[in-house]
Amino acid sequence: MIIKRSMLMILLLSFIIAGCGNRGIPVIKQELLDKKLSVLMLSSVNLSPTAKQSVGSALQKWRDANYIAYDWINDLSAVDDRVLTKLKASSYDYIYVIGNDLFPSANGVIQQGLNPGKWTLLQSQLDVNGNASSAIDQAALLQIDSQQVDNLKNQWIQNLLAQNVTVEWLTRSDRPIPSAWAPSEEADHIVLLDNNEQWFQQLAFQTRQHFATWIIFYSPATEAQLQKAKTLGVSAIDVSNSLSAELNWPQILDNRLLTMTNKSWQKGPLNYNEKELTELKMK
């Protein structure tokens, strides 16, 4: 009788163990293991805290919900030796570079072919210095639509000129002012910055002579040049760096996830869509 009871207890105990053996332990199906992806994320030291937080949240979601393994090197000033070590030691399916300032160094590393991963470069801000245009054709490039930027600048300037204000223009000889903004008969309203150490004296003279109410830098100005122009007591703006863009990083990263899971990655430039670029405006 005792033996029968013991055997019954052992049998019941085995059923309990069998029934509870997998509780609380996630089981990854073999097909998911076969599809498991790996990502290397590289982000700039100049990335905003909000964008950085979005990247961290997205990576955790990719890992937890999609079983994507990742390494993240943030606060980079350039794609440096830490990145090269990672690329040589591990094989990644996708490599992301977030931040315009990282593009030049990333281009050089991509050309070395150290890793078979698919590279994607993501603009973090407007491309004032032309970094995006240097992205090589072996990578995907997510960028702010330059035509949209030009259209907004043109609209702002046309609205300003419609108020019959007098403008003094500063530019370089290789960036002529569009004739719609400064006709040839108004050439004396233009000051060239290149090879012109007396540009400020010339600007001050023209501003007084024409009773100008606006000074517009058409080519990129240094902060020192802009502040010096403002000392003349009229409104001054660097129109090449006058716009701000609001990027929706959660949406951008969700779309990158879809690109990976759908295997729809392709090289070349692609503009942020209306859900990814939520606002573009004059500062």
Protein backbone atom coordinates (compact mmCIF):
# COMPACT_ATOMS: atom_id res chain seq x y z
CA MET A 1 0.00 0.00 0.00
CA ILE A 2 2.83 2.33 0.92
CA ILE A 3 4.63 1.49 -2.32
CA LYS A 4 1.49 2.21 -4.36
CA ARG A 5 1.06 5.56 -2.63
CA SER A 6 4.69 6.42 -3.27
CA MET A 7 4.39 5.54 -6.94
CA LEU A 8 1.21 7.60 -7.21
CA MET A 9 2.95 10.62 -5.63
CA ILE A 10 5.91 10.28 -7.99
CA LEU A 11 3.55 10.07 -10.98
CA LEU A 12 1.60 13.14 -9.88
CA LEU A 13 4.82 15.05 -9.26
CA SER A 14 6.07 14.20 -12.75
CA PHE A 15 2.84 15.53 -14.28
CA ILE A 16 3.19 18.78 -12.35
CA ILE A 17 6.80 19.23 -13.44
CA ALA A 18 5.90 18.47 -17.06
CA GLY A 19 3.03 20.94 -16.99
CA CYS A 20 5.05 23.77 -15.45
CA GLY A 21 8.38 23.22 -17.09
CA ASN A 22 8.05 26.02 -19.68
CA ARG A 23 6.04 28.50 -17.65
CA GLY A 24 7.74 31.91 -17.48
CA ILE A 25 10.49 30.82 -19.88
CA PRO A 26 10.05 32.29 -23.38
CA VAL A 27 10.52 29.75 -26.12
CA ILE A 28 11.99 31.11 -29.35
CA LYS A 29 10.83 29.18 -32.37
CA GLN A 30 13.51 27.87 -34.69
CA GLU A 31 12.24 29.97 -37.61
CA LEU A 32 12.77 33.11 -35.51
CA LEU A 33 16.26 32.00 -34.60
CA ASP A 34 17.01 31.47 -38.28
CA LYS A 35 15.77 35.01 -39.09
CA LYS A 36 17.51 36.71 -36.15
CA LEU A 37 19.17 39.95 -37.22
CA SER A 38 22.10 41.90 -35.80
CA VAL A 39 22.49 45.67 -35.80
CA LEU A 40 25.32 48.11 -35.11
CA MET A 41 23.99 51.55 -34.17
CA LEU A 42 26.34 54.56 -34.32
CA SER A 43 25.09 57.97 -33.13
CA SER A 44 26.65 61.41 -32.97
CA VAL A 45 27.66 63.28 -29.82
CA ASN A 46 25.56 66.15 -31.21
CA LEU A 47 22.36 64.11 -31.29
CA SER A 48 19.63 65.71 -29.17
CA PRO A 49 18.70 64.05 -25.85
CA THR A 50 15.20 63.36 -27.20
CA ALA A 51 16.58 61.64 -30.31
CA LYS A 52 19.06 59.65 -28.22
CA GLN A 53 16.27 58.45 -25.94
CA SER A 54 14.24 57.40 -28.99
CA VAL A 55 17.19 55.38 -30.30
CA GLY A 56 17.64 53.59 -26.98
CA SER A 57 13.93 52.77 -26.73
CA ALA A 58 13.81 51.51 -30.31
CA LEU A 59 16.80 49.22 -29.86
CA GLN A 60 15.26 47.64 -26.76
CA LYS A 61 11.99 47.10 -28.64
CA TRP A 62 13.82 45.57 -31.60
CA ARG A 63 15.55 43.15 -29.23
CA ASP A 64 12.55 42.25 -27.07
CA ALA A 65 9.85 42.04 -29.73
CA ASN A 66 11.85 41.04 -32.81
CA TYR A 67 14.87 39.26 -31.31
CA ILE A 68 17.30 41.65 -33.01
CA ALA A 69 20.74 41.64 -31.40
CA TYR A 70 22.47 45.00 -31.31
CA ASP A 71 25.54 46.97 -30.30
CA TRP A 72 25.26 50.71 -29.80
CA ILE A 73 28.15 53.16 -29.74
CA ASN A 74 26.85 56.64 -28.97
CA ASP A 75 28.30 60.12 -28.47
CA LEU A 76 30.68 59.71 -31.39
CA SER A 77 32.57 62.64 -32.90
CA ALA A 78 33.67 60.42 -35.80
CA VAL A 79 33.55 56.78 -36.83
CA ASP A 80 36.67 55.87 -34.86
CA ASP A 81 38.79 52.89 -33.79
CA ARG A 82 36.06 51.59 -31.44
CA VAL A 83 33.80 51.19 -34.44
CA LEU A 84 36.51 49.60 -36.57
CA THR A 85 37.13 47.03 -33.82
CA LYS A 86 33.42 46.14 -33.73
CA LEU A 87 33.22 45.86 -37.52
CA LYS A 88 36.22 43.53 -37.65
CA ALA A 89 35.10 41.35 -34.72
CA SER A 90 31.42 40.87 -35.57
CA SER A 91 29.28 40.44 -38.64
CA TYR A 92 26.25 42.77 -38.69
CA ASP A 93 23.24 42.63 -40.96
CA TYR A 94 22.55 46.37 -40.70
CA ILE A 95 24.71 49.32 -39.65
CA TYR A 96 23.08 52.68 -38.86
CA VAL A 97 24.88 56.03 -38.67
CA ILE A 98 22.82 58.86 -37.15
CA GLY A 99 24.26 62.38 -37.44
CA ASN A 100 25.44 64.50 -40.38
CA ASP A 101 28.80 65.11 -38.74
CA LEU A 102 29.61 61.37 -38.83
CA PHE A 103 29.05 61.02 -42.57
CA PRO A 104 32.55 61.96 -43.82
CA SER A 105 34.33 59.45 -41.57
CA ALA A 106 31.62 56.82 -42.18
CA ASN A 107 32.14 57.13 -45.94
CA GLY A 108 35.81 56.24 -45.58
CA VAL A 109 35.03 53.19 -43.42
CA ILE A 110 32.31 51.95 -45.78
CA GLN A 111 34.78 52.03 -48.66
CA GLN A 112 37.11 49.75 -46.72
CA GLY A 113 34.53 46.93 -46.86
CA LEU A 114 35.28 45.71 -43.34
CA ASN A 115 31.79 44.32 -42.79
CA PRO A 116 29.15 42.84 -45.10
CA GLY A 117 26.34 44.73 -43.33
CA LYS A 118 23.98 47.10 -45.10
CA TRP A 119 24.76 50.71 -44.16
CA THR A 120 22.13 53.39 -43.62
CA LEU A 121 23.07 57.04 -42.97
CA LEU A 122 20.39 59.19 -41.32
CA GLN A 123 20.46 62.98 -41.34
CA SER A 124 19.87 64.42 -37.88
CA GLN A 125 19.54 68.03 -39.03
CA LEU A 126 19.47 70.22 -42.11
CA ASP A 127 22.50 69.72 -44.34
CA VAL A 128 24.08 73.18 -44.06
CA ASN A 129 27.63 71.95 -44.73
CA GLY A 130 26.83 69.54 -47.54
CA ASN A 131 27.72 66.36 -45.61
CA ALA A 132 24.81 64.41 -47.05
CA SER A 133 25.88 65.08 -50.61
CA SER A 134 29.15 63.24 -49.92
CA ALA A 135 27.42 59.98 -48.95
CA ILE A 136 28.73 57.19 -51.17
CA ASP A 137 26.47 55.01 -53.30
CA GLN A 138 27.07 51.84 -51.24
CA ALA A 139 24.79 53.10 -48.46
CA ALA A 140 21.19 54.12 -48.01
CA LEU A 141 20.77 57.78 -47.12
CA LEU A 142 17.76 59.18 -45.28
CA GLN A 143 17.70 62.95 -45.79
CA ILE A 144 15.57 66.07 -45.58
CA ASP A 145 14.20 66.98 -49.01
CA SER A 146 16.48 69.74 -50.36
CA GLN A 147 13.81 70.93 -52.81
CA GLN A 148 11.39 71.42 -49.92
CA VAL A 149 14.04 73.46 -48.12
CA ASP A 150 14.71 75.63 -51.19
CA ASN A 151 10.99 76.20 -51.72
CA LEU A 152 10.54 77.39 -48.15
CA LYS A 153 13.50 79.77 -48.37
CA ASN A 154 12.24 81.15 -51.67
CA GLN A 155 8.76 81.70 -50.28
CA TRP A 156 10.14 83.53 -47.22
CA ILE A 157 12.34 85.82 -49.32
CA GLN A 158 9.58 86.53 -51.84
CA ASN A 159 7.23 87.46 -48.99
CA LEU A 160 9.90 89.77 -47.56
CA LEU A 161 10.59 91.48 -50.87
CA ALA A 162 6.84 91.93 -51.43
CA GLN A 163 6.94 94.34 -48.47
CA ASN A 164 9.21 96.64 -50.54
CA VAL A 165 12.06 96.44 -48.05
CA THR A 166 15.61 97.30 -49.07
CA VAL A 167 18.05 94.41 -48.79
CA GLU A 168 21.84 94.22 -48.82
CA TRP A 169 23.08 90.77 -49.90
CA LEU A 170 26.30 89.00 -48.89
CA THR A 171 27.52 86.00 -50.81
CA ARG A 172 30.51 84.41 -52.51
CA SER A 173 31.38 84.75 -56.18
CA ASP A 174 30.52 81.08 -56.80
CA ARG A 175 27.00 81.56 -55.30
CA PRO A 176 25.34 84.35 -57.31
CA ILE A 177 22.11 85.82 -55.96
CA PRO A 178 19.10 84.62 -58.01
CA SER A 179 18.04 87.36 -60.40
CA ALA A 180 14.46 87.19 -59.07
CA TRP A 181 15.76 88.41 -55.73
CA ALA A 182 18.48 90.86 -56.80
CA PRO A 183 18.17 92.00 -60.44
CA SER A 184 21.34 93.02 -62.27
CA GLU A 185 20.45 96.69 -61.90
CA GLU A 186 20.74 96.23 -58.14
CA ALA A 187 24.33 94.90 -58.25
CA ASP A 188 25.39 97.67 -55.87
CA HIS A 189 23.30 95.94 -53.17
CA ILE A 190 25.60 92.87 -53.22
CA VAL A 191 28.79 92.41 -51.18
CA LEU A 192 31.18 89.55 -52.00
CA LEU A 193 32.80 87.83 -49.04
CA ASP A 194 35.58 85.86 -50.73
CA ASN A 195 38.95 87.64 -51.00
CA ASN A 196 37.38 90.78 -49.60
CA GLU A 197 38.88 91.80 -46.26
CA GLN A 198 36.92 95.06 -46.43
CA TRP A 199 33.52 93.36 -46.75
CA PHE A 200 32.19 94.87 -43.52
CA GLN A 201 33.23 98.40 -44.40
CA GLN A 202 31.60 97.99 -47.82
CA LEU A 203 28.45 96.57 -46.23
CA ALA A 204 28.26 99.40 -43.70
CA PHE A 205 28.60 101.98 -46.50
CA GLN A 206 25.90 100.37 -48.68
CA THR A 207 23.52 99.91 -45.74
CA ARG A 208 23.71 103.62 -44.93
CA GLN A 209 23.61 104.70 -48.57
CA HIS A 210 20.51 102.64 -49.41
CA PHE A 211 18.76 102.98 -46.03
CA ALA A 212 18.62 99.19 -45.97
CA THR A 213 16.38 97.45 -43.46
CA TRP A 214 17.62 93.90 -44.04
CA ILE A 215 21.02 92.20 -44.47
CA ILE A 216 20.84 88.67 -45.92
CA PHE A 217 23.77 86.26 -46.14
CA TYR A 218 23.04 84.05 -49.15
CA SER A 219 26.17 81.93 -48.69
CA PRO A 220 26.88 80.37 -45.26
CA ALA A 221 28.20 82.87 -42.73
CA THR A 222 30.27 82.31 -39.64
CA GLU A 223 28.68 83.27 -36.34
CA ALA A 224 31.24 86.09 -36.07
CA GLN A 225 30.27 87.48 -39.49
CA LEU A 226 26.57 87.36 -38.67
CA GLN A 227 27.01 89.07 -35.32
CA LYS A 228 29.22 91.75 -36.90
CA ALA A 229 26.55 92.50 -39.49
CA LYS A 230 23.95 92.86 -36.74
CA THR A 231 25.99 95.68 -35.18
CA LEU A 232 24.80 97.89 -38.05
CA GLY A 233 21.41 98.04 -36.36
CA VAL A 234 19.30 96.36 -39.04
CA SER A 235 17.79 92.88 -39.28
CA ALA A 236 20.37 90.30 -40.41
CA ILE A 237 19.92 86.62 -41.28
CA ASP A 238 21.98 83.78 -42.72
CA VAL A 239 19.40 82.30 -45.08
CA SER A 240 21.53 79.21 -45.69
CA ASN A 241 21.16 78.33 -42.00
CA SER A 242 17.79 79.87 -41.24
CA LEU A 243 15.54 76.83 -41.16
CA SER A 244 14.84 74.30 -38.45
CA ALA A 245 13.53 70.76 -38.91
CA GLU A 246 11.58 68.63 -36.47
CA LEU A 247 12.23 64.92 -37.01
CA ASN A 248 9.97 62.21 -35.60
CA TRP A 249 12.60 59.72 -34.46
CA PRO A 250 10.22 57.02 -33.15
CA GLN A 251 8.54 56.95 -36.58
CA ILE A 252 11.87 57.00 -38.42
CA LEU A 253 13.16 54.05 -36.40
CA ASP A 254 9.88 52.12 -36.72
CA ASN A 255 10.22 52.48 -40.48
CA ARG A 256 13.82 51.20 -40.34
CA LEU A 257 12.50 48.14 -38.49
CA LEU A 258 9.99 47.52 -41.28
CA THR A 259 12.77 47.84 -43.82
CA MET A 260 14.74 45.12 -42.02
CA THR A 261 11.88 42.72 -41.38
CA ASN A 262 10.49 43.16 -44.91
CA LYS A 263 13.98 42.91 -46.42
CA SER A 264 13.25 46.05 -48.44
CA TRP A 265 16.55 47.89 -47.83
CA GLN A 266 18.02 49.53 -50.90
CA LYS A 267 20.99 51.82 -51.38
CA GLY A 268 20.79 55.42 -52.46
CA PRO A 269 19.11 58.63 -51.22
CA LEU A 270 15.58 58.66 -49.84
CA ASN A 271 13.76 61.69 -48.44
CA TYR A 272 12.10 61.59 -45.04
CA ASN A 273 8.33 61.30 -45.53
CA GLU A 274 5.68 63.58 -44.02
CA LYS A 275 5.35 61.42 -40.90
CA GLU A 276 9.12 61.34 -40.33
CA LEU A 277 9.69 65.08 -40.97
CA THR A 278 6.92 66.68 -38.95
CA GLU A 279 7.93 70.34 -39.28
CA LEU A 280 10.16 72.50 -41.45
CA LYS A 281 10.12 76.24 -40.75
CA MET A 282 12.13 79.43 -40.62
CA LYS A 283 13.82 79.93 -37.24
